[in-house]
Protein backbone atom coordinates (compact mmCIF):
# COMPACT_ATOMS: atom_id res chain seq x y z
CA MET A 1 78.63 105.77 92.40
CA ARG A 2 77.38 102.15 90.91
CA ARG A 3 80.08 99.28 91.13
CA SER A 4 80.13 98.81 87.47
CA LYS A 5 82.01 100.61 84.72
CA ALA A 6 80.80 103.88 86.24
CA ALA A 7 83.00 103.10 89.05
CA SER A 8 86.00 102.36 86.90
CA ALA A 9 89.56 103.47 88.01
CA VAL A 10 89.03 106.75 86.04
CA PRO A 11 85.56 108.31 87.05
CA ALA A 12 83.39 109.41 84.30
CA SER A 13 83.77 113.11 85.39
CA ALA A 14 87.60 112.84 85.44
CA ALA A 15 88.38 110.75 82.07
CA ILE A 16 85.63 110.68 79.63
CA ALA A 17 84.41 113.32 77.47
CA VAL A 18 82.71 112.03 74.57
CA VAL A 19 81.70 113.65 71.18
CA LEU A 20 78.78 115.93 71.95
CA SER A 21 76.31 116.93 69.44
CA ALA A 22 75.88 120.64 68.09
CA GLY A 23 73.20 121.18 70.88
CA VAL A 24 75.85 120.99 73.75
CA ALA A 25 76.48 124.66 74.14
CA ALA A 26 72.52 125.49 74.16
CA ILE A 27 72.43 122.72 76.99
CA ALA A 28 75.33 124.58 78.89
CA ALA A 29 73.83 127.73 78.51
CA ALA A 30 70.60 126.58 80.43
CA LEU A 31 72.60 124.72 83.21
CA ALA A 32 75.18 127.45 83.55
CA PRO A 33 74.81 129.73 86.67
CA PRO A 34 74.81 133.34 86.33
CA ALA A 35 78.41 134.75 86.10
CA ALA A 36 77.94 136.61 89.27
CA VAL A 37 76.83 133.37 91.06
CA ALA A 38 79.87 131.54 89.47
CA ALA A 39 82.52 134.18 90.58
CA ALA A 40 81.67 133.76 94.24
CA PRO A 41 83.26 130.94 96.36
CA ARG A 42 80.56 127.86 96.60
CA THR A 43 82.50 125.47 98.44
CA ALA A 44 82.78 125.82 102.48
CA VAL A 45 85.86 124.51 104.15
CA VAL A 46 85.80 122.90 107.50
CA ASP A 47 88.56 121.81 109.51
CA LEU A 48 88.55 118.18 110.84
CA GLY A 49 91.64 118.66 113.24
CA GLY A 50 94.03 118.12 110.25
CA PRO A 51 92.40 116.78 107.44
CA ARG A 52 89.84 119.18 105.75
CA ALA A 53 86.49 118.80 104.48
CA TYR A 54 84.88 120.52 101.43
CA VAL A 55 81.24 120.97 101.57
CA ARG A 56 78.81 122.38 98.59
CA PRO A 57 75.39 122.38 99.23
CA GLY A 58 73.28 121.41 96.35
CA GLY A 59 69.98 123.27 96.48
CA ALA A 60 66.98 121.09 96.23
CA VAL A 61 68.19 117.64 95.46
CA PRO A 62 67.17 115.04 97.77
CA LEU A 63 70.48 112.94 97.82
CA ALA A 64 73.84 113.78 99.31
CA GLY A 65 77.13 112.44 97.94
CA ILE A 66 80.42 112.02 100.29
CA ALA A 67 83.54 111.38 98.43
CA LEU A 68 86.67 110.46 100.54
CA PHE A 69 89.95 110.58 98.71
CA VAL A 70 92.69 108.41 100.27
CA ARG A 71 96.43 108.73 98.98
CA ALA A 72 96.52 105.34 98.16
CA GLY A 73 96.65 105.43 94.45
CA LEU A 74 98.40 103.49 91.36
CA ASP A 75 101.54 105.65 92.40
CA ARG A 76 101.69 103.70 95.59
CA GLU A 77 102.25 100.26 93.95
CA THR A 78 105.73 99.14 92.98
CA ALA A 79 106.07 96.90 89.75
CA ALA A 80 105.44 93.79 91.50
CA GLN A 81 102.27 95.07 93.28
CA ASN A 82 99.73 95.71 90.22
CA GLY A 83 96.42 95.45 91.25
CA LEU A 84 97.09 95.88 94.98
CA ALA A 85 95.55 99.13 95.52
CA ALA A 86 92.21 97.63 93.70
CA LEU A 87 92.30 94.76 96.04
CA VAL A 88 92.70 96.42 99.07
CA ALA A 89 89.92 99.19 98.16
CA GLU A 90 87.62 96.08 97.00
CA SER A 91 88.17 94.35 100.12
CA VAL A 92 86.77 97.39 102.36
CA LEU A 93 83.92 96.91 100.44
CA GLN A 94 83.83 93.29 100.94
CA THR A 95 84.28 93.19 104.46
CA PRO A 96 81.54 91.83 106.46
CA ALA A 97 79.01 94.14 108.04
CA THR A 98 75.39 93.92 109.90
CA ALA A 99 72.79 95.42 107.70
CA PRO A 100 70.61 97.80 109.57
CA ALA A 101 66.78 97.68 109.85
CA THR A 102 66.96 93.90 109.00
CA SER A 103 65.32 90.82 110.99
CA SER A 104 68.68 89.17 110.53
CA ASP A 105 72.00 89.92 112.41
CA ALA A 106 74.07 87.94 109.56
CA ALA A 107 76.81 89.82 108.15
CA VAL A 108 77.08 90.67 104.58
CA PRO A 109 79.57 92.53 102.47
CA LEU A 110 79.69 96.15 103.36
CA THR A 111 78.28 97.11 99.77
CA ASP A 112 75.31 95.00 100.38
CA ALA A 113 74.68 96.74 103.91
CA VAL A 114 74.78 100.00 102.50
CA THR A 115 72.37 99.09 99.94
CA ALA A 116 69.90 97.82 102.71
CA ALA A 117 70.31 101.12 104.61
CA GLY A 118 69.20 102.88 101.27
CA GLY A 119 72.48 104.26 100.13
CA SER A 120 75.28 102.82 97.71
CA ILE A 121 78.98 102.98 97.65
CA GLY A 122 81.44 102.59 95.61
CA TYR A 123 85.41 103.39 94.86
CA ALA A 124 87.80 104.50 91.72
CA VAL A 125 91.41 103.73 91.55
CA GLY A 126 93.27 106.86 89.86
CA PRO A 127 96.95 107.45 89.39
CA GLN A 128 97.38 109.42 93.00
CA SER A 129 94.63 108.41 94.71
CA VAL A 130 91.88 105.97 95.58
CA ARG A 131 88.24 107.52 95.73
CA PHE A 132 85.42 106.19 97.87
CA TYR A 133 82.04 107.49 96.93
CA LEU A 134 78.74 107.27 99.35
CA GLU A 135 75.30 108.07 98.27
CA GLY A 136 72.04 108.42 99.67
CA THR A 137 69.35 110.48 101.34
CA PRO A 138 70.77 112.30 104.50
CA GLU A 139 68.75 109.27 106.45
CA ALA A 140 70.42 106.65 104.26
CA ILE A 141 74.01 108.50 105.02
CA ALA A 142 73.43 108.63 108.66
CA ALA A 143 72.54 104.60 108.78
CA ALA A 144 75.44 103.88 106.41
CA ALA A 145 78.29 105.70 107.66
CA PRO A 146 79.26 104.12 110.67
CA LEU A 147 79.25 100.76 108.79
CA VAL A 148 81.65 102.19 106.20
CA ALA A 149 83.46 103.80 109.01
CA ARG A 150 83.94 100.38 110.65
CA ALA A 151 85.33 98.73 107.31
CA LEU A 152 87.61 101.56 106.80
CA ALA A 153 89.11 101.46 110.22
CA ALA A 154 89.29 97.33 110.20
CA PRO A 155 88.85 95.96 106.67
CA SER A 156 88.98 92.36 106.63
CA PHE A 157 91.86 90.72 104.58
CA ASP A 158 91.06 87.13 105.17
CA GLN A 159 90.97 84.70 102.45
CA ALA A 160 87.13 84.63 102.28
CA THR A 161 87.14 88.37 101.60
CA LEU A 162 89.98 88.44 99.42
CA THR A 163 88.55 85.72 97.32
CA ALA A 164 85.18 87.62 97.22
CA ALA A 165 87.40 90.53 96.32
CA ARG A 166 89.38 88.94 93.39
CA ALA A 167 86.00 87.67 92.09
CA ALA A 168 84.25 91.34 92.06
CA LEU A 169 87.35 92.81 90.36
CA ALA A 170 87.72 90.10 87.67
CA ASP A 171 84.21 90.93 86.55
CA ARG A 172 85.22 94.60 86.38
CA ILE A 173 88.43 93.86 84.45
CA SER A 174 86.34 91.76 82.05
CA ASP A 175 84.08 94.66 81.61
CA GLU A 176 86.92 97.03 80.93
CA GLU A 177 88.80 94.57 78.44
CA SER A 178 85.59 94.69 76.37
CA ASP A 179 85.72 98.22 75.64
CA PRO A 180 88.60 98.86 73.08
CA ARG A 181 88.43 102.59 74.12
CA LEU A 182 89.49 101.68 77.84
CA VAL A 183 91.98 99.34 76.40
CA GLY A 184 93.78 101.55 74.25
CA ARG A 185 93.91 104.30 77.27
CA ALA A 186 95.25 101.91 79.59
CA MET A 187 97.77 100.89 77.02
CA LEU A 188 98.87 104.61 76.25
CA ARG A 189 99.07 105.48 79.96
CA SER A 190 101.36 102.57 80.47
CA ALA A 191 103.60 104.13 77.86
CA TYR A 192 103.22 107.77 79.24
CA TYR A 193 103.55 107.28 82.80
CA ARG A 194 106.49 106.07 84.79
CA ASP A 195 106.27 103.44 87.81
CA GLY A 196 103.24 102.56 89.23
CA ALA A 197 100.86 105.17 87.70
CA GLY A 198 101.28 103.37 84.57
CA LEU A 199 100.10 100.07 85.82
CA PRO A 200 96.77 98.92 84.68
CA PRO A 201 94.32 100.65 87.48
CA LEU A 202 92.62 97.03 88.50
CA GLY A 203 95.36 94.83 88.16
CA SER A 204 95.19 91.59 86.10
CA THR A 205 93.47 88.25 87.23
CA THR A 206 97.04 86.77 87.14
CA SER A 207 98.43 89.58 89.29
CA LEU A 208 95.83 89.60 92.12
CA ALA A 209 95.92 86.04 92.66
CA SER A 210 99.50 86.50 93.80
CA PHE A 211 98.82 88.76 96.79
CA ASP A 212 97.96 87.01 100.29
CA PRO A 213 96.33 88.50 103.35
CA SER A 214 99.76 89.93 104.57
CA ALA A 215 100.39 92.08 101.37
CA ALA A 216 96.82 93.53 101.46
CA LYS A 217 97.25 94.28 105.06
CA ALA A 218 100.69 95.93 104.67
CA PHE A 219 99.33 98.21 101.75
CA TYR A 220 96.53 99.33 103.96
CA GLU A 221 98.64 100.04 106.87
CA LYS A 222 101.40 102.12 104.61
CA TRP A 223 99.13 104.07 102.85
CA TYR A 224 95.51 104.70 104.39
CA ARG A 225 96.21 107.48 106.51
CA ARG A 226 94.28 110.21 107.81
CA GLY A 227 96.34 113.12 107.45
CA ASP A 228 96.35 112.62 103.64
CA ALA A 229 92.64 112.41 103.20
CA VAL A 230 90.18 114.65 101.51
CA VAL A 231 86.63 114.79 101.80
CA ALA A 232 84.06 116.28 99.56
CA THR A 233 80.35 116.79 100.41
CA VAL A 234 77.60 117.71 97.86
CA GLY A 235 73.89 117.67 97.56
CA ARG A 236 71.71 117.76 100.52
CA THR A 237 74.32 118.55 102.90
CA GLY A 238 73.61 119.05 106.77
CA ASP A 239 73.91 117.49 110.15
CA ALA A 240 73.90 113.80 108.75
CA THR A 241 76.58 114.42 105.90
CA ALA A 242 78.53 116.48 108.70
CA ALA A 243 78.47 113.65 111.17
CA ALA A 244 79.12 111.06 108.34
CA THR A 245 82.13 113.02 107.29
CA ARG A 246 83.67 113.27 110.54
CA ALA A 247 83.30 109.52 111.29
CA LEU A 248 84.76 108.15 108.07
CA VAL A 249 88.05 110.87 108.47
CA ALA A 250 88.43 109.45 112.37
CA ALA A 251 88.22 105.82 110.93
CA LEU A 252 91.36 106.05 109.05
CA PRO A 253 94.69 105.53 110.80
CA PRO A 254 96.55 108.72 112.21
CA GLY A 255 99.46 110.27 110.26
CA THR A 256 100.79 111.01 106.95
CA THR A 257 102.19 109.73 103.89
CA PRO A 258 105.52 110.95 101.69
CA ALA A 259 104.36 112.99 98.81
CA THR A 260 105.08 111.95 95.21
CA ALA A 261 105.40 113.26 91.84
CA LEU A 262 104.49 111.16 88.65
CA ALA A 263 107.29 110.92 86.44
CA THR A 264 106.22 110.63 82.71
CA ARG A 265 107.65 109.64 79.10
CA PRO A 266 106.28 112.42 76.86
CA PRO A 267 105.88 111.42 73.32
CA GLY A 268 108.95 111.78 70.83
CA THR A 269 109.48 112.58 67.67
CA GLN A 270 109.78 108.79 66.55
CA LEU A 271 106.15 107.45 66.49
CA LYS A 272 105.64 105.05 69.49
CA ARG A 273 103.22 102.29 67.91
CA ILE A 274 101.50 99.47 70.87
CA VAL A 275 99.33 96.73 69.30
CA THR A 276 97.07 94.39 70.84
CA HIS A 277 94.18 92.08 69.73
CA ARG A 278 90.94 92.08 71.22
CA ASP A 279 87.20 90.51 70.36
CA VAL A 280 85.99 93.68 68.64
CA PRO A 281 84.70 93.77 64.74
CA ALA A 282 86.85 96.34 63.76
CA PRO A 283 90.01 97.84 64.66
CA TYR A 284 90.05 100.84 67.15
CA ILE A 285 93.01 103.46 66.78
CA VAL A 286 94.05 105.50 69.85
CA LEU A 287 96.34 108.37 70.26
CA GLY A 288 97.80 109.65 73.24
CA PHE A 289 99.05 113.11 73.85
CA ALA A 290 100.62 114.85 76.64
CA ALA A 291 98.24 117.48 77.95
CA PRO A 292 98.21 120.58 80.51
CA SER A 293 96.39 119.70 84.05
CA LEU A 294 93.62 121.16 85.65
CA GLY A 295 95.07 124.59 86.81
CA ASP A 296 97.65 124.79 84.26
CA ARG A 297 97.36 128.17 82.34
CA ASP A 298 96.76 126.38 78.92
CA PHE A 299 94.15 123.89 80.16
CA ALA A 300 91.09 125.71 78.95
CA ALA A 301 92.88 126.16 75.66
CA ALA A 302 93.36 122.42 75.55
CA LEU A 303 89.57 121.93 76.02
CA VAL A 304 89.11 124.05 73.15
CA MET A 305 91.36 122.15 71.23
CA ARG A 306 89.50 119.03 72.23
CA ALA A 307 86.34 120.19 71.17
CA LEU A 308 88.11 121.30 67.67
CA LEU A 309 89.32 117.63 67.38
CA ASN A 310 86.25 115.93 68.31
CA SER A 311 84.58 117.94 65.80
CA VAL A 312 86.45 116.63 62.93
CA PHE A 313 83.90 113.20 63.35
CA ASP A 314 80.86 114.79 64.87
CA ARG A 315 77.77 113.59 63.05
CA THR A 316 74.48 114.98 63.97
CA SER A 317 71.99 112.63 65.26
CA ALA A 318 68.35 112.97 66.40
CA THR A 319 69.20 110.70 69.53
CA THR A 320 72.16 110.20 71.78
CA VAL A 321 74.46 107.61 70.03
CA PRO A 322 76.14 105.15 72.80
CA PRO A 323 79.90 105.62 72.63
CA LEU A 324 80.75 102.54 71.20
CA PHE A 325 78.76 103.56 68.01
CA ARG A 326 80.29 106.55 67.41
CA SER A 327 83.05 107.63 65.35
CA ALA A 328 85.28 109.19 67.82
CA GLY A 329 85.69 110.82 70.90
CA ALA A 330 88.33 111.76 73.81
CA LEU A 331 89.13 110.93 77.16
CA TYR A 332 91.08 113.61 79.09
CA GLY A 333 92.86 112.17 82.10
CA TYR A 334 92.97 115.27 84.46
CA ASP A 335 92.73 113.27 87.57
CA ALA A 336 96.65 113.15 87.31
CA SER A 337 99.13 115.74 87.32
CA PRO A 338 100.73 115.78 84.63
CA ALA A 339 97.93 114.91 82.56
CA GLN A 340 97.21 112.86 79.45
CA LEU A 341 94.33 113.30 76.82
CA VAL A 342 93.71 110.37 74.33
CA LEU A 343 91.58 110.49 71.12
CA TRP A 344 89.94 107.14 70.01
CA ILE A 345 88.58 106.34 66.56
CA ASN A 346 86.30 103.77 65.59
CA GLY A 347 87.55 101.74 62.64
CA ALA A 348 83.92 100.46 61.90
CA ARG A 349 82.43 103.82 61.54
CA ILE A 350 85.23 105.56 59.80
CA ASP A 351 88.49 104.51 57.72
CA PRO A 352 91.53 104.82 59.93
CA GLU A 353 93.78 106.22 57.43
CA THR A 354 91.32 108.71 56.52
CA ALA A 355 90.40 109.65 60.16
CA LEU A 356 94.50 110.11 60.96
CA GLY A 357 94.76 112.19 57.96
CA ALA A 358 92.09 114.64 58.82
CA LEU A 359 93.40 114.86 62.36
CA SER A 360 96.57 115.40 61.31
CA GLY A 361 95.39 118.07 58.66
CA VAL A 362 93.28 119.86 61.72
CA VAL A 363 96.52 120.06 63.87
CA LYS A 364 98.81 121.05 61.24
CA ALA A 365 96.07 124.04 60.44
CA ALA A 366 95.70 125.00 64.07
CA SER A 367 99.53 124.90 64.64
CA GLY A 368 100.17 126.81 61.40
CA LYS A 369 97.94 130.16 61.99
CA PRO A 370 95.21 131.67 64.50
CA LEU A 371 91.69 130.26 64.10
CA GLY A 372 89.23 132.86 62.80
CA ALA A 373 87.10 134.54 65.25
CA ALA A 374 83.90 132.99 64.11
CA VAL A 375 85.71 129.26 64.49
CA LEU A 376 86.99 130.22 67.62
CA SER A 377 83.68 131.49 68.97
CA ARG A 378 82.08 128.00 67.97
CA TYR A 379 84.56 125.67 69.59
CA LYS A 380 84.96 127.69 72.87
CA GLU A 381 81.02 127.41 73.09
CA THR A 382 81.17 123.74 72.53
CA ALA A 383 84.45 123.35 75.30
CA ARG A 384 82.03 125.30 77.84
CA GLY A 385 79.04 123.17 77.08
CA GLU A 386 81.48 119.80 77.22
CA TRP A 387 83.00 121.34 80.58
CA THR A 388 79.51 121.83 82.23
CA LEU A 389 78.18 118.15 81.31
CA GLU A 390 81.23 116.88 83.16
CA THR A 391 79.72 117.93 86.61
CA VAL A 392 76.39 117.16 86.54
CA SER A 393 76.09 114.23 88.65
CA LEU A 394 76.54 114.36 92.55
CA ASP A 395 79.28 111.85 91.94
CA GLU A 396 81.13 114.19 89.28
CA ARG A 397 80.67 117.23 91.75
CA ALA A 398 82.05 115.54 94.31
CA PHE A 399 85.19 114.41 92.32
CA ALA A 400 85.69 117.88 90.71
CA ILE A 401 86.23 119.39 94.23
CA GLY A 402 88.42 116.46 95.50
CA ASN A 403 90.58 116.23 92.57
CA ALA A 404 91.18 119.97 92.57
CA VAL A 405 92.12 120.08 96.27
CA THR A 406 94.32 116.99 95.97
CA HIS A 407 96.16 118.69 93.24
CA GLY A 408 96.98 121.64 95.70
CA LEU A 409 94.50 123.94 93.81
CA ASP A 410 91.18 125.85 95.13
CA ALA A 411 88.29 123.67 95.81
CA ASP A 412 86.57 125.85 93.58
CA ALA A 413 88.97 125.54 90.69
CA SER A 414 86.55 123.67 88.05
CA ASP A 415 84.19 126.47 88.40
CA ALA A 416 86.80 128.74 86.98
CA VAL A 417 87.43 126.97 83.85
CA THR A 418 84.05 128.25 82.39
CA ALA A 419 85.39 131.75 82.61
CA ALA A 420 88.82 130.72 81.54
CA ILE A 421 87.48 129.00 78.37
CA ALA A 422 85.73 132.40 77.75
CA GLN A 423 89.09 134.35 77.71
CA VAL A 424 90.95 131.65 75.29
CA THR A 425 92.32 133.50 72.43
CA ALA A 426 93.21 132.32 69.15
CA ALA A 427 96.85 132.69 69.84
CA ASP A 428 96.38 130.25 73.14
CA VAL A 429 94.91 127.42 70.88
CA GLN A 430 97.72 127.91 68.24
CA ARG A 431 100.14 127.71 71.17
CA VAL A 432 98.50 124.49 72.71
CA ALA A 433 98.13 122.79 69.24
CA LYS A 434 101.99 123.34 68.82
CA LYS A 435 103.22 122.04 72.36
CA TYR A 436 100.91 119.28 72.65
CA PHE A 437 99.40 117.88 69.91
CA GLN A 438 102.03 117.48 67.46
CA LYS A 439 103.70 114.43 69.17
CA PHE A 440 101.64 111.18 70.02
CA ASP A 441 101.85 107.70 70.79
CA ILE A 442 99.15 105.11 69.06
CA ALA A 443 97.60 102.25 70.27
CA LEU A 444 95.84 99.76 67.83
CA ILE A 445 93.27 97.58 69.01
CA ILE A 446 92.96 95.07 66.45
CA PRO A 447 90.04 92.18 65.92
CA ARG A 448 91.26 88.86 67.21
CA THR A 449 92.38 85.95 64.83
CA SER A 450 92.14 82.19 65.33
CA ASP A 451 96.06 82.41 65.66
CA SER A 452 96.28 85.48 67.54
C-alpha cells in the first residue's frame, strides 16, 4: 500500500467502486475461479495464542502482503480528538529505525527503512479500525518485519516524530481535499455516523496541531491491544510471513478493549443538504444512502442496485477514463457496519438537475415493479464483475479477509458474495430499492469564488 491517496482512510477495496465499462462482466468471467473451487474454504486460520491470523496463499505471485487490523479507528476518538487515530498511526511509520544492509547506522523513519529493505508499508484509518499493510518479497518481509515490530511495540511520540507525522498527514489531507468525491463522502459520513466514526479520517491541520506527545501516547496505550488484533496474510506465504505475523502481533501490548457499536442518523423524509466550496471547475453532487453491510442478506442485491444506478451515466470508451473525468460513480463504505453508499455526479460532465432527475426515475422504477429478466441478468453480471475487480491486488485481498473477520464474519465471506449475486431476484432488488434508496442526504461541492 503506497503512502498516498491509495493509502487513504478508506482503502480502494472497501470504498471505491467506480463506473465500469460494459466489458467488466467479461473480465470477471476470466478472473473468477471455478464454482467448485470458490465454494471451498480458501483461508487457513492460525491461532496466535488469542489473536488469530488468516492465511491465503496466492499461487505464483512473487510478493506477500500482511495486513494488521488494530481496533484503534475513528470510533475510538472523542469529538476533541479528531485526527488522533491518524496521528498515532503516522507516528508509527515515522518512528526512527535503522535500515538493514546499509553502510550507515543512522536511523531513518520506519517507512524509509522498510523501503530500503525492499518492502513497502502504509496504513489506512477506518471507522472501526486502523490497518497497517506490509508488502514485499518473502525476503523483504523477513528483513522489514522486525523493524515494524519494534516501531509498533515502542512508537516514538517525541516532538520531532510528531512534527514529521503532521507534515505527512498535511500532504494527505491536501490530496483528499482536492478530490471533490472524497470531500463529499466525508461530508456525508459526518451526517450519517454519530460520534467519532463521523469525523474526518485524517483530522485537520488545526486539530492535529493541538495534540502533544502525551495525547498521542495515551491514545496508543489505551487502544493498541494484541487481543483485538486481526492479521491477514496473502500472496507468497510461508515461513517468512508466518514469522513476521507472529512478530507483529507480539509487538502489540497485551489485553483487549471494549467493543463498540456504530450509531447512525439515517436519511429522513426531509432532504438534508450540506454545501461547501472548493477549487473545482464545476459543481459535484454527492448523494448518501444508508446501505446494507457485508454479510447482510441485502448486500448482494445492493451491489446489483449500485450497478443499475451507475449505468444511468455510463459512457462507452475505448480507454479507461480517470475517475475525475467520469460522469458519475459510487463509493460503497462496507468497511463499516452499518454501511453507507454514496453516488457522486460530476457537474462538468452532466447537468446536475438532469442527473438527479434520471436517478430519481431509476429508483422510482426499480421500487415500483420488479426488473425484467434480461435487465436483471445484465446488472447481476455487471455487479459480479465489479465485485471481482475489487479484490485483484494483494492489498485488496488482505483487506477483504480482515474486514470480514473484524465484523464477525467468516474469513471467506467476500468469496460468497459472487454466489449471492447469482441468487439475487427481481423481488430482492425491488425490496432493496424501496428500503435503502428512496431517502438520501446530499452534499454539494461548489466552485470557490472570490468571496467564498
